[in-house]
Every structure is written in structure tokens, then in C-alpha cells.
Amino acid sequence: MKTMKLAALAALMLTATPAFAGITVTDLDGRTVTLDDVPDRVALGFYYEDYLAVTGPAGADKIVALSRAPWADWRPGQWAAYTAVFPDLDALPDFGNTDDSTFSAEALIAAKPEVAILASWQTASLGEPGVKQIEDAGIKVVAIDYNAQTLERHLMSTRVLGAVMGEPERAEQLASMYQAKTEDTLARVAGAGASGKKIYVELAQKGPAEIGNSYGKGMWAGVIDLVGGSNIAKGQIENWGPLSPEYVIAQQPDVILLAGSEWLNKPEAVLLGFGATDEAAQPKMAAYAARPGWSDLPAVQSREIYGIYHGGNRTLSDFVYARAIAKALYPDAFADVDPTAELAEYYKTWMPVAADGLFVTKLK
């Protein structure tokens, strides 16, 4: 990565405007946004953990409305961990979710935030008219984007958050840490040379009797691409979707990733994340390994089957999961890397909660 190029880009992106004595940023949609001062009232659409990593605990008190479903419903264990520390989050107005067409600009506006911090995928769904409706109510809209899964946009999003929320130094420390971890991962991969291992990832939500989504581009495919893995879904699936059982068996994957989360009412799922335990995850992972036709797969024979937290991707802590996957592909090059310890240290240093649960594991 070209550090000087990124630094120059950040310098162009975050600029002071003395005439207005305020804060001017170019957000991740490329729009120039000027705020009079650091906001005290924030509507938060996504990237909840990244927001709190940049603001510190005081940022929770500034949230006056949120898009509740992507946090409380998609990551209920994570939501429970944060509402235990910040109980007021549970009573905040919900302005809905662009993913299921429940988004309400009126509900957002009624909460009277000074700024709405939204994901680029949310502003894309709203379109120019939707963003304008919010802006016409006197509310600034700032888009950030960790979903792109590029180092550049991770760093830019972090610096934009830092500038908007009055924490540029903290944001720069986070950005520097993330860049250093990513560059260390890439250097180790480059030094190790091609692993030659085929890797298969499946969303382990439905249980072994049903085939869950794999990823041909983006999400876990993006991480596999980053670390030079040979993803068997690449070229077979545009973004996400199931692969046929016959195809997976024919490909003979050397490594299998089971993406688990904190799903409710999914008795056969591999549950990972906040509050999860290895005692509960191991038999669920073993059930996947016992699928018809899987006994002779190289990954099953060598027990190279890993559980990985689906809620940990596309966020500032996702360097941990990249390193976990890289360790599976290049065990010698990452022999001294402990992803679980690195995640615990990240939460201890930057987050208002501890990483209590199970986020990375391996089938025993």
C-alpha cells in the first residue's frame, strides 16, 4: 500500500474552512459537507461499533435515533452487550431500514439530529431525493463506507468520522493501527508465496441439511481475495448464493469456513459472536463436517474447518478475521499470530465493551 498517497488523499479530504469556523469533510459518496461545530445530536444508520471506536463511550450519549434492525435484529448478541452498558440505546427512536423498505425520513427528521451518519449503501438506496429530503430539514448527511472492503475506504471512513465527531487524533490512531495490521498481513502473505489451498465459505445459518450462501465477490470473498486464497465460489456466484453440493465435493476444498452469528430461532446454526461458546459451536460444526460426501474432503480429513464471526466483517476489527483466514492458508507465516488475542486487545483498547464470546474457532 502507498502510505504517502493515502496520507495525501486524507489531507485533501478533511479540510478546515476558516470562513465558516466549522468542519468540512468530503464524505464517502464524494459530497462536501460542512457542519457548524461538532454535533451533539446524531442519527446513526450503521457501523455502530466503528462509530463508538472513533468517538469513545461519550459518542453513545449523542445518538438520538438509529436504524435499529441492522443492530438489534441482525446482531442480537452484540446489541445486548452494548445495551447492557448503554441502556438508553434501547429506547431510542427507530427510523427504519433501507434493506426492507421500512426507512422513514420523517422519523429520522422528527428526532432532530444535527447530522445523520449513514452507510453508503443506505444513501444509495435513498437516492438523491431521499438524501435531499433529510438535508432540506436542516440535517447534514455524512456517508461512510466499510462495506467496500478496501484499505483506502476503511481509512477514509475512519478519518471522516473522526473529523465530524471531533476526534481526529483518536481516528488517526485507529487508522494507523488498521493500516499497520493490514500491511503486516499482506507482507506475510507475500513472503509465504502461493498457498495452493482451495477454500470454501458457507453461511452456517440453516444447518447442514440446507445449503447456505457462499460468496463469489465481496463479504468473505473480499477477505479471501485480500489474502490470496483460492475461493471455489469465485466465478460461480456473482455476489452471494448457494453452491451445489456436487460442485463443492468436486472442488475438494482444503479449508472450509463456516460463517456463524448470533441468530435467534436457528437451532441448527453455528452460533458465534457475543455470548457464544465453543462448547455449543463444536457439535454444530461437526454436523456440517458429517454431511453426505464430505468425509473425504481434504478440509474434513485434516480438520481444517473454521468458525468465523459473520458480524465481524466490513468493520474496523475485520483485520482480525483476515489474519485468521490467512493463518489457515499460511500457518507457518502466521504462527505467531493469535487472532483471538488480537481481537480481545482491540476491544480492550478501543471499545466500551469486552469481546466476551466466541469469534474464531476451529473444529476439534
Protein backbone atom coordinates (compact mmCIF):
# COMPACT_ATOMS: atom_id res chain seq x y z
CA MET A 1 0.00 0.00 0.00
CA LYS A 2 1.21 3.51 -0.78
CA THR A 3 1.21 5.27 2.57
CA MET A 4 2.11 8.68 1.18
CA LYS A 5 -0.70 8.51 -1.39
CA LEU A 6 -3.24 7.65 1.33
CA ALA A 7 -1.98 10.44 3.58
CA ALA A 8 -2.27 12.94 0.75
CA LEU A 9 -5.78 11.75 -0.05
CA ALA A 10 -6.80 12.13 3.58
CA ALA A 11 -5.34 15.64 3.70
CA LEU A 12 -7.40 16.63 0.66
CA MET A 13 -10.50 15.01 2.04
CA LEU A 14 -10.56 16.58 5.50
CA THR A 15 -10.19 20.34 5.33
CA ALA A 16 -10.90 23.16 7.70
CA THR A 17 -12.97 26.10 6.46
CA PRO A 18 -11.97 29.18 8.50
CA ALA A 19 -14.62 31.39 6.88
CA PHE A 20 -17.33 29.24 8.42
CA ALA A 21 -15.32 28.31 11.54
CA GLY A 22 -16.76 24.84 11.16
CA ILE A 23 -15.91 21.35 9.97
CA THR A 24 -15.81 20.45 6.29
CA VAL A 25 -15.40 16.89 5.04
CA THR A 26 -15.74 15.09 1.75
CA ASP A 27 -17.77 12.03 2.64
CA LEU A 28 -17.55 8.58 1.08
CA ASP A 29 -20.18 9.49 -1.50
CA GLY A 30 -17.91 12.32 -2.65
CA ARG A 31 -20.16 15.05 -1.27
CA THR A 32 -18.71 18.09 0.52
CA VAL A 33 -20.43 18.52 3.87
CA THR A 34 -19.92 21.45 6.25
CA LEU A 35 -21.02 21.43 9.89
CA ASP A 36 -21.02 24.48 12.13
CA ASP A 37 -19.49 22.51 15.00
CA VAL A 38 -19.09 19.03 16.43
CA PRO A 39 -22.66 17.68 16.64
CA ASP A 40 -24.38 16.85 19.91
CA ARG A 41 -27.25 15.02 18.22
CA VAL A 42 -26.56 12.15 15.80
CA ALA A 43 -28.83 9.83 13.80
CA LEU A 44 -26.82 6.65 13.20
CA GLY A 45 -27.66 4.32 10.34
CA PHE A 46 -24.98 1.62 10.54
CA TYR A 47 -21.37 0.92 11.58
CA TYR A 48 -22.32 1.21 15.24
CA GLU A 49 -19.11 -0.30 16.58
CA ASP A 50 -16.93 1.81 14.30
CA TYR A 51 -18.75 4.95 15.39
CA LEU A 52 -18.11 4.09 19.06
CA ALA A 53 -14.50 3.10 18.36
CA VAL A 54 -13.88 6.60 16.98
CA THR A 55 -15.96 8.61 19.45
CA GLY A 56 -15.26 6.61 22.58
CA PRO A 57 -18.08 5.96 25.10
CA ALA A 58 -19.21 9.61 25.03
CA GLY A 59 -20.44 9.08 21.49
CA ALA A 60 -23.29 6.88 22.72
CA ASP A 61 -24.87 9.85 24.51
CA LYS A 62 -25.05 11.77 21.23
CA ILE A 63 -27.13 9.17 19.39
CA VAL A 64 -30.75 10.39 19.25
CA ALA A 65 -32.09 7.91 16.66
CA LEU A 66 -30.86 4.83 14.85
CA SER A 67 -31.69 2.21 12.28
CA ARG A 68 -32.43 -0.47 14.83
CA ALA A 69 -32.84 -3.70 12.81
CA PRO A 70 -29.27 -3.96 11.46
CA TRP A 71 -28.02 -3.92 15.05
CA ALA A 72 -30.69 -5.35 17.33
CA ASP A 73 -32.09 -7.91 14.87
CA TRP A 74 -29.05 -8.83 12.77
CA ARG A 75 -26.61 -8.94 15.72
CA PRO A 76 -28.72 -9.51 18.85
CA GLY A 77 -25.80 -10.67 20.99
CA GLN A 78 -23.80 -7.61 20.07
CA TRP A 79 -26.84 -5.40 20.72
CA ALA A 80 -27.29 -6.98 24.17
CA ALA A 81 -23.64 -6.32 25.04
CA TYR A 82 -23.93 -2.63 24.18
CA THR A 83 -27.35 -2.01 25.71
CA ALA A 84 -26.05 -3.52 28.95
CA VAL A 85 -23.52 -0.67 29.04
CA PHE A 86 -25.72 1.97 27.36
CA PRO A 87 -29.33 1.08 28.31
CA ASP A 88 -30.68 4.29 26.77
CA LEU A 89 -29.95 2.86 23.30
CA ASP A 90 -32.92 0.53 23.69
CA ALA A 91 -35.39 3.41 23.97
CA LEU A 92 -34.12 5.47 21.03
CA PRO A 93 -36.41 6.22 18.08
CA ASP A 94 -36.01 3.81 15.17
CA PHE A 95 -36.02 5.37 11.69
CA GLY A 96 -36.20 2.02 9.93
CA ASN A 97 -34.07 0.09 7.50
CA THR A 98 -33.45 0.72 3.80
CA ASP A 99 -32.95 -3.03 3.26
CA ASP A 100 -36.60 -3.87 3.97
CA SER A 101 -38.18 -0.59 2.84
CA THR A 102 -39.09 0.46 6.38
CA PHE A 103 -36.80 3.51 6.31
CA SER A 104 -38.64 6.65 7.38
CA ALA A 105 -37.06 10.03 6.68
CA GLU A 106 -39.88 11.55 8.70
CA ALA A 107 -38.92 9.52 11.79
CA LEU A 108 -35.28 10.48 11.38
CA ILE A 109 -36.15 14.16 10.99
CA ALA A 110 -38.50 14.05 14.00
CA ALA A 111 -35.58 13.07 16.26
CA LYS A 112 -33.96 16.44 15.39
CA PRO A 113 -30.38 15.30 14.84
CA GLU A 114 -27.78 17.74 13.61
CA VAL A 115 -26.18 15.08 11.43
CA ALA A 116 -27.23 11.71 10.00
CA ILE A 117 -24.28 9.33 9.66
CA LEU A 118 -25.33 6.70 7.13
CA ALA A 119 -23.65 3.89 5.24
CA SER A 120 -23.05 4.47 1.53
CA TRP A 121 -25.34 1.53 0.80
CA GLN A 122 -28.08 3.36 2.70
CA THR A 123 -27.64 6.65 0.86
CA ALA A 124 -27.52 4.72 -2.42
CA SER A 125 -30.87 3.14 -1.56
CA LEU A 126 -32.36 6.52 -0.62
CA GLY A 127 -31.05 8.16 -3.77
CA GLU A 128 -30.62 11.89 -4.22
CA PRO A 129 -34.27 12.70 -3.43
CA GLY A 130 -34.15 10.83 -0.13
CA VAL A 131 -30.89 12.44 0.94
CA LYS A 132 -32.22 15.87 -0.10
CA GLN A 133 -35.36 15.39 1.99
CA ILE A 134 -33.18 14.96 5.08
CA GLU A 135 -30.91 17.85 4.15
CA ASP A 136 -33.87 20.15 3.45
CA ALA A 137 -34.86 19.64 7.10
CA GLY A 138 -31.55 21.22 8.11
CA ILE A 139 -29.82 17.91 8.89
CA LYS A 140 -26.39 17.21 7.45
CA VAL A 141 -25.92 13.79 5.84
CA VAL A 142 -22.49 12.14 6.03
CA ALA A 143 -21.89 8.81 4.25
CA ILE A 144 -19.17 6.37 5.31
CA ASP A 145 -18.29 3.02 3.78
CA TYR A 146 -16.60 -0.02 5.30
CA ASN A 147 -18.55 -2.36 3.00
CA ALA A 148 -16.21 -1.66 0.09
CA GLN A 149 -13.56 -3.74 1.91
CA THR A 150 -10.64 -1.66 0.70
CA LEU A 151 -7.92 -0.25 2.90
CA GLU A 152 -8.43 3.18 1.38
CA ARG A 153 -12.15 3.44 2.18
CA HIS A 154 -11.70 1.96 5.66
CA LEU A 155 -9.13 4.66 6.43
CA MET A 156 -11.17 7.42 4.79
CA SER A 157 -14.33 6.43 6.67
CA THR A 158 -12.47 6.42 9.97
CA ARG A 159 -10.96 9.84 9.34
CA VAL A 160 -14.30 11.30 8.25
CA LEU A 161 -15.90 10.00 11.46
CA GLY A 162 -13.06 11.50 13.47
CA ALA A 163 -13.38 14.90 11.81
CA VAL A 164 -17.17 15.05 12.14
CA MET A 165 -17.24 13.87 15.75
CA GLY A 166 -14.32 16.00 16.98
CA GLU A 167 -11.97 13.06 17.49
CA PRO A 168 -9.39 13.42 14.67
CA GLU A 169 -6.45 12.22 16.77
CA ARG A 170 -8.24 9.12 18.01
CA ALA A 171 -9.41 8.39 14.48
CA GLU A 172 -5.88 8.76 13.16
CA GLN A 173 -4.58 6.32 15.77
CA LEU A 174 -7.25 3.81 14.73
CA ALA A 175 -6.49 4.32 11.05
CA SER A 176 -2.77 3.89 11.63
CA MET A 177 -3.33 0.71 13.63
CA TYR A 178 -5.63 -0.73 10.96
CA GLN A 179 -3.22 0.12 8.17
CA ALA A 180 -0.27 -1.40 10.04
CA LYS A 181 -2.16 -4.65 10.71
CA THR A 182 -3.33 -4.89 7.11
CA GLU A 183 0.11 -4.20 5.68
CA ASP A 184 1.65 -6.76 8.05
CA THR A 185 -0.88 -9.34 6.86
CA LEU A 186 -0.12 -8.60 3.21
CA ALA A 187 3.63 -8.70 3.80
CA ARG A 188 3.38 -12.11 5.46
CA VAL A 189 1.22 -13.43 2.61
CA ALA A 190 3.64 -12.10 0.00
CA GLY A 191 6.58 -13.66 1.82
CA ALA A 192 4.86 -17.02 2.13
CA GLY A 193 4.12 -17.38 -1.58
CA ALA A 194 1.02 -19.04 -3.03
CA SER A 195 -0.59 -21.49 -0.61
CA GLY A 196 -2.26 -23.58 -3.31
CA LYS A 197 -5.14 -24.28 -0.92
CA LYS A 198 -8.74 -24.15 -2.08
CA ILE A 199 -11.15 -22.53 0.34
CA TYR A 200 -14.94 -22.80 0.68
CA VAL A 201 -17.04 -20.49 2.84
CA GLU A 202 -20.68 -21.05 3.78
CA LEU A 203 -23.12 -19.02 5.82
CA ALA A 204 -23.85 -21.56 8.55
CA GLN A 205 -27.32 -20.32 9.42
CA LYS A 206 -29.64 -23.02 8.09
CA GLY A 207 -27.90 -26.12 9.43
CA PRO A 208 -26.21 -28.87 7.42
CA ALA A 209 -29.44 -30.13 5.85
CA GLU A 210 -29.73 -26.91 3.80
CA ILE A 211 -27.04 -25.20 1.73
CA GLY A 212 -26.24 -21.70 2.91
CA ASN A 213 -24.86 -18.83 0.87
CA SER A 214 -21.31 -18.73 -0.31
CA TYR A 215 -19.61 -15.60 -1.65
CA GLY A 216 -18.19 -15.01 -5.12
CA LYS A 217 -17.47 -11.31 -4.64
CA GLY A 218 -17.48 -9.10 -1.58
CA MET A 219 -18.06 -10.03 2.06
CA TRP A 220 -15.95 -13.14 2.84
CA ALA A 221 -14.89 -13.40 -0.81
CA GLY A 222 -13.30 -9.98 -0.40
CA VAL A 223 -11.24 -11.15 2.56
CA ILE A 224 -10.19 -14.35 0.77
CA ASP A 225 -9.10 -12.27 -2.23
CA LEU A 226 -7.13 -9.95 0.06
CA VAL A 227 -5.08 -12.80 1.48
CA GLY A 228 -4.59 -14.59 -1.82
CA GLY A 229 -6.84 -17.57 -1.22
CA SER A 230 -8.36 -19.69 -3.97
CA ASN A 231 -12.10 -19.22 -3.39
CA ILE A 232 -14.07 -22.03 -5.06
CA ALA A 233 -17.13 -19.75 -5.35
CA LYS A 234 -15.27 -17.21 -7.48
CA GLY A 235 -16.71 -17.18 -10.99
CA GLN A 236 -19.61 -19.38 -9.88
CA ILE A 237 -21.60 -16.76 -7.95
CA GLU A 238 -21.80 -13.05 -8.77
CA ASN A 239 -22.11 -11.86 -5.15
CA TRP A 240 -23.68 -14.42 -2.84
CA GLY A 241 -25.76 -17.56 -3.13
CA PRO A 242 -25.53 -21.32 -2.57
CA LEU A 243 -23.13 -23.58 -4.44
CA SER A 244 -24.36 -27.01 -5.45
CA PRO A 245 -23.26 -29.83 -3.11
CA GLU A 246 -21.84 -31.72 -6.09
CA TYR A 247 -19.68 -28.76 -7.08
CA VAL A 248 -18.28 -28.33 -3.56
CA ILE A 249 -17.39 -32.02 -3.37
CA ALA A 250 -15.82 -31.96 -6.85
CA GLN A 251 -13.66 -28.98 -5.88
CA GLN A 252 -12.18 -30.81 -2.87
CA PRO A 253 -11.60 -27.71 -0.68
CA ASP A 254 -8.61 -27.74 1.65
CA VAL A 255 -10.13 -25.19 4.06
CA ILE A 256 -13.78 -24.68 4.98
CA LEU A 257 -15.07 -21.53 6.70
CA LEU A 258 -18.42 -21.66 8.46
CA ALA A 259 -19.66 -18.11 8.99
CA GLY A 260 -21.72 -18.02 12.16
CA SER A 261 -23.53 -15.30 14.05
CA GLU A 262 -25.93 -14.61 16.92
CA TRP A 263 -29.06 -15.68 15.09
CA LEU A 264 -32.23 -16.26 17.07
CA ASN A 265 -34.53 -19.24 16.48
CA LYS A 266 -31.98 -21.04 14.30
CA PRO A 267 -31.43 -24.28 16.25
CA GLU A 268 -29.07 -25.86 13.70
CA ALA A 269 -26.96 -22.74 13.10
CA VAL A 270 -23.33 -22.32 14.10
CA LEU A 271 -23.73 -19.60 16.73
CA LEU A 272 -20.76 -17.28 17.04
CA GLY A 273 -20.28 -13.78 18.41
CA PHE A 274 -21.12 -12.16 21.71
CA GLY A 275 -22.26 -14.69 24.28
CA ALA A 276 -21.39 -17.70 22.11
CA THR A 277 -19.36 -20.63 23.45
CA ASP A 278 -17.08 -23.19 21.88
CA GLU A 279 -18.95 -25.96 23.70
CA ALA A 280 -22.09 -25.07 21.76
CA ALA A 281 -20.35 -24.34 18.44
CA GLN A 282 -18.29 -27.53 18.16
CA PRO A 283 -21.17 -30.02 17.70
CA LYS A 284 -22.85 -27.72 15.16
CA MET A 285 -19.62 -27.51 13.16
CA ALA A 286 -19.16 -31.27 13.42
CA ALA A 287 -22.65 -31.74 11.96
CA TYR A 288 -21.57 -29.80 8.87
CA ALA A 289 -18.43 -31.94 8.59
CA ALA A 290 -20.66 -35.04 8.66
CA ARG A 291 -22.63 -34.04 5.56
CA PRO A 292 -23.05 -36.72 2.89
CA GLY A 293 -19.99 -36.81 0.67
CA TRP A 294 -17.88 -34.61 2.91
CA SER A 295 -15.93 -37.28 4.77
CA ASP A 296 -13.25 -37.48 2.09
CA LEU A 297 -12.83 -33.75 1.56
CA PRO A 298 -9.26 -32.63 2.36
CA ALA A 299 -10.62 -29.98 4.77
CA VAL A 300 -12.57 -32.60 6.72
CA GLN A 301 -9.76 -35.15 6.69
CA SER A 302 -7.31 -32.59 8.11
CA ARG A 303 -9.91 -30.88 10.36
CA GLU A 304 -9.27 -27.56 8.61
CA ILE A 305 -12.80 -26.35 9.33
CA TYR A 306 -13.12 -22.96 10.99
CA GLY A 307 -15.94 -20.97 12.52
CA ILE A 308 -15.72 -17.23 11.91
CA TYR A 309 -18.00 -14.42 13.14
CA HIS A 310 -20.20 -13.13 10.33
CA GLY A 311 -20.75 -9.82 12.15
CA GLY A 312 -17.02 -9.11 12.26
CA ASN A 313 -16.56 -8.41 8.58
CA ARG A 314 -16.66 -4.95 6.97
CA THR A 315 -15.68 -3.12 10.14
CA LEU A 316 -12.55 -1.75 11.80
CA SER A 317 -11.94 -5.04 13.61
CA ASP A 318 -12.08 -7.09 10.41
CA PHE A 319 -8.28 -7.17 10.20
CA VAL A 320 -8.55 -9.92 12.81
CA TYR A 321 -10.63 -12.14 10.54
CA ALA A 322 -8.35 -11.53 7.58
CA ARG A 323 -5.46 -12.70 9.73
CA ALA A 324 -7.45 -15.74 10.92
CA ILE A 325 -8.14 -16.80 7.31
CA ALA A 326 -4.55 -16.08 6.31
CA LYS A 327 -3.34 -18.21 9.21
CA ALA A 328 -5.42 -21.13 7.90
CA LEU A 329 -3.85 -20.71 4.45
CA TYR A 330 -0.28 -19.94 5.55
CA PRO A 331 0.14 -21.47 9.02
CA ASP A 332 3.92 -21.03 9.16
CA ALA A 333 3.85 -17.37 8.14
CA PHE A 334 1.23 -16.60 10.82
CA ALA A 335 2.47 -18.99 13.51
CA ASP A 336 2.93 -16.13 15.99
CA VAL A 337 -0.45 -14.50 15.25
CA ASP A 338 -3.29 -15.18 17.68
CA PRO A 339 -6.50 -13.71 16.18
CA THR A 340 -8.50 -14.22 19.38
CA ALA A 341 -5.90 -12.36 21.43
CA GLU A 342 -5.72 -9.57 18.84
CA LEU A 343 -9.49 -9.14 18.90
CA ALA A 344 -9.52 -9.04 22.70
CA GLU A 345 -6.80 -6.38 22.64
CA TYR A 346 -8.69 -4.32 20.05
CA TYR A 347 -11.82 -4.29 22.21
CA LYS A 348 -9.84 -3.54 25.37
CA THR A 349 -8.12 -0.58 23.71
CA TRP A 350 -10.91 0.93 21.62
CA MET A 351 -14.34 -0.36 22.57
CA PRO A 352 -16.66 0.29 25.54
CA VAL A 353 -17.43 -3.44 25.85
CA ALA A 354 -15.27 -6.56 26.05
CA ALA A 355 -15.15 -9.20 23.33
CA ASP A 356 -16.97 -11.71 25.52
CA GLY A 357 -17.96 -14.64 23.36
CA LEU A 358 -16.57 -16.78 20.56
CA PHE A 359 -15.49 -15.12 17.34
CA VAL A 360 -12.96 -17.50 15.76
CA THR A 361 -12.69 -21.23 16.35
CA LYS A 362 -11.53 -24.45 14.72
CA LEU A 363 -13.20 -27.83 14.60
CA LYS A 364 -11.53 -30.17 17.08
